[in-house]
Protein backbone atom coordinates (compact mmCIF):
# COMPACT_ATOMS: atom_id res chain seq x y z
CA MET A 1 15.12 10.50 -4.68
CA ASN A 2 14.86 6.87 -3.67
CA ARG A 3 11.94 4.56 -4.29
CA TYR A 4 10.30 2.86 -1.32
CA GLU A 5 7.54 0.33 -0.82
CA THR A 6 5.41 0.26 2.31
CA VAL A 7 2.88 -2.38 3.23
CA PHE A 8 0.72 -1.59 6.23
CA ILE A 9 -2.07 -3.43 7.99
CA MET A 10 -5.02 -1.59 9.49
CA THR A 11 -7.24 -2.93 12.24
CA PRO A 12 -10.27 -4.89 10.93
CA VAL A 13 -12.83 -2.93 12.94
CA LEU A 14 -12.57 0.10 10.64
CA SER A 15 -15.36 1.07 8.26
CA ALA A 16 -14.68 1.60 4.55
CA GLU A 17 -14.61 5.37 5.11
CA GLN A 18 -12.11 5.05 7.95
CA VAL A 19 -9.85 2.84 5.83
CA ALA A 20 -9.97 5.38 3.00
CA GLU A 21 -9.26 8.21 5.45
CA THR A 22 -6.26 6.35 6.90
CA VAL A 23 -4.80 5.66 3.46
CA SER A 24 -5.31 9.27 2.36
CA LYS A 25 -3.56 10.48 5.53
CA PHE A 26 -0.38 8.57 4.68
CA ARG A 27 -0.63 9.44 0.99
CA ALA A 28 -0.86 13.12 1.93
CA PHE A 29 2.10 12.78 4.31
CA VAL A 30 4.34 11.55 1.48
CA THR A 31 3.20 14.18 -1.02
CA ASP A 32 3.43 17.02 1.54
CA LYS A 33 7.08 16.11 2.18
CA GLY A 34 7.89 16.36 -1.54
CA GLY A 35 7.44 12.69 -2.38
CA LYS A 36 5.53 11.19 -5.27
CA ILE A 37 3.17 8.20 -5.13
CA VAL A 38 4.14 5.76 -7.89
CA HIS A 39 1.63 2.95 -7.26
CA GLU A 40 -0.95 1.90 -4.70
CA ASP A 41 -2.78 -1.34 -4.23
CA ALA A 42 -5.50 -2.09 -1.69
CA TRP A 43 -5.31 -5.80 -0.89
CA GLY A 44 -8.44 -5.70 1.24
CA LEU A 45 -9.31 -7.68 4.35
CA ARG A 46 -6.99 -10.67 4.78
CA LYS A 47 -6.27 -13.24 7.43
CA LEU A 48 -3.09 -12.66 9.43
CA ALA A 49 -0.50 -15.41 9.78
CA TYR A 50 -0.71 -15.02 13.56
CA PRO A 51 -2.85 -12.90 15.90
CA ILE A 52 -1.70 -9.31 16.43
CA GLN A 53 -3.30 -7.38 19.29
CA LYS A 54 -5.88 -10.20 19.57
CA LYS A 55 -6.95 -9.65 15.94
CA SER A 56 -6.77 -12.36 13.29
CA THR A 57 -7.58 -10.23 10.20
CA GLY A 58 -6.63 -6.81 8.90
CA PHE A 59 -6.93 -4.45 5.93
CA TYR A 60 -3.73 -4.59 3.87
CA HIS A 61 -2.52 -1.70 1.72
CA LEU A 62 0.62 -1.39 -0.44
CA MET A 63 2.06 2.02 -1.28
CA GLU A 64 5.02 2.51 -3.61
CA PHE A 65 6.51 6.00 -3.61
CA GLU A 66 9.56 8.11 -4.39
CA ALA A 67 10.87 10.31 -1.61
CA ASP A 68 14.01 11.64 0.00
CA GLY A 69 15.56 9.34 2.62
CA ALA A 70 14.94 11.89 5.38
CA VAL A 71 11.17 11.41 4.97
CA ILE A 72 11.18 7.76 6.06
CA LEU A 73 11.80 8.19 9.80
CA PRO A 74 8.94 10.70 10.34
CA PHE A 75 6.75 8.60 8.01
CA GLU A 76 7.29 5.49 10.14
CA THR A 77 6.79 7.54 13.32
CA GLU A 78 3.31 8.43 12.02
CA PHE A 79 2.55 4.72 11.60
CA ARG A 80 3.62 4.05 15.19
CA ARG A 81 1.44 6.88 16.52
CA ASP A 82 -1.69 5.88 14.60
CA GLU A 83 -3.78 3.42 16.61
CA ARG A 84 -5.49 2.18 13.42
CA ILE A 85 -2.22 0.63 12.17
CA ILE A 86 -1.29 -2.76 13.62
CA ARG A 87 1.81 -3.48 11.46
CA PHE A 88 3.86 -1.83 8.74
CA LEU A 89 7.02 -2.50 6.77
CA THR A 90 8.93 -0.05 4.58
CA THR A 91 11.64 -1.26 2.22
CA LYS A 92 13.96 0.64 -0.09
CA MET A 93 13.62 -0.68 -3.61
CA ASP A 94 16.74 -1.39 -5.66
CA LYS A 95 16.73 -1.54 -9.48
CA HIS A 96 15.84 -5.25 -9.52
CA HIS A 97 12.97 -4.78 -7.09
CA ILE A 98 11.64 -1.87 -9.18
CA ALA A 99 11.83 -3.91 -12.39
CA TYR A 100 10.06 -6.83 -10.75
CA ALA A 101 7.28 -4.62 -9.32
CA GLU A 102 6.70 -2.91 -12.68
CA GLY A 103 6.67 -6.25 -14.48
CA ARG A 104 4.17 -7.63 -11.98
CA ARG A 105 1.90 -4.61 -12.54
CA ASP A 106 2.19 -4.90 -16.34
CA LYS A 107 1.36 -8.61 -16.17
CA SER A 108 -1.72 -8.04 -14.02
CA ASN A 109 -2.84 -5.19 -16.32
CA ARG A 110 -2.49 -7.43 -19.40
CA GLN A 111 -4.50 -10.19 -17.73
CA ALA A 112 -7.24 -7.76 -16.68
CA ALA A 113 -7.56 -6.16 -20.14
CA PRO A 114 -8.66 -9.33 -22.04
CA ALA A 115 -11.16 -10.15 -19.28
CA GLU A 116 -12.66 -6.66 -19.59
CA ALA A 117 -12.74 -6.97 -23.40
CA GLU A 118 -14.57 -10.31 -23.17
CA GLY A 119 -17.10 -8.79 -20.79
CA THR A 120 -17.89 -5.92 -23.19
CA ALA A 121 -18.03 -8.26 -26.23
CA GLU A 122 -20.73 -10.38 -24.61
CA ALA A 123 -22.91 -7.41 -23.69
């Protein structure tokens, strides 16, 4: 199995429930095809670098997963068919990309842990 990373942008007119439903649809697609979700990160509503379909913002979501290479084409076809998705990009991760992504997650987890500890110490 290969490891892939997909970042997709959803239209900004969606409600929180619709965003969650869209993300769960693609998560279920990967797991139903025998893949495994390694990491997910919701980046939230962000400004686009340039307007896409007359929209200047969008909900960003990152999904890192392991799957067979044959899953990617139907996975991307689902993105193209879904009117809630305005852009997506899937990349195959090599060993350096995987190490960098894991290091980035570890670093952010270490930075979040002391902040949480300080918050509980003051209470």
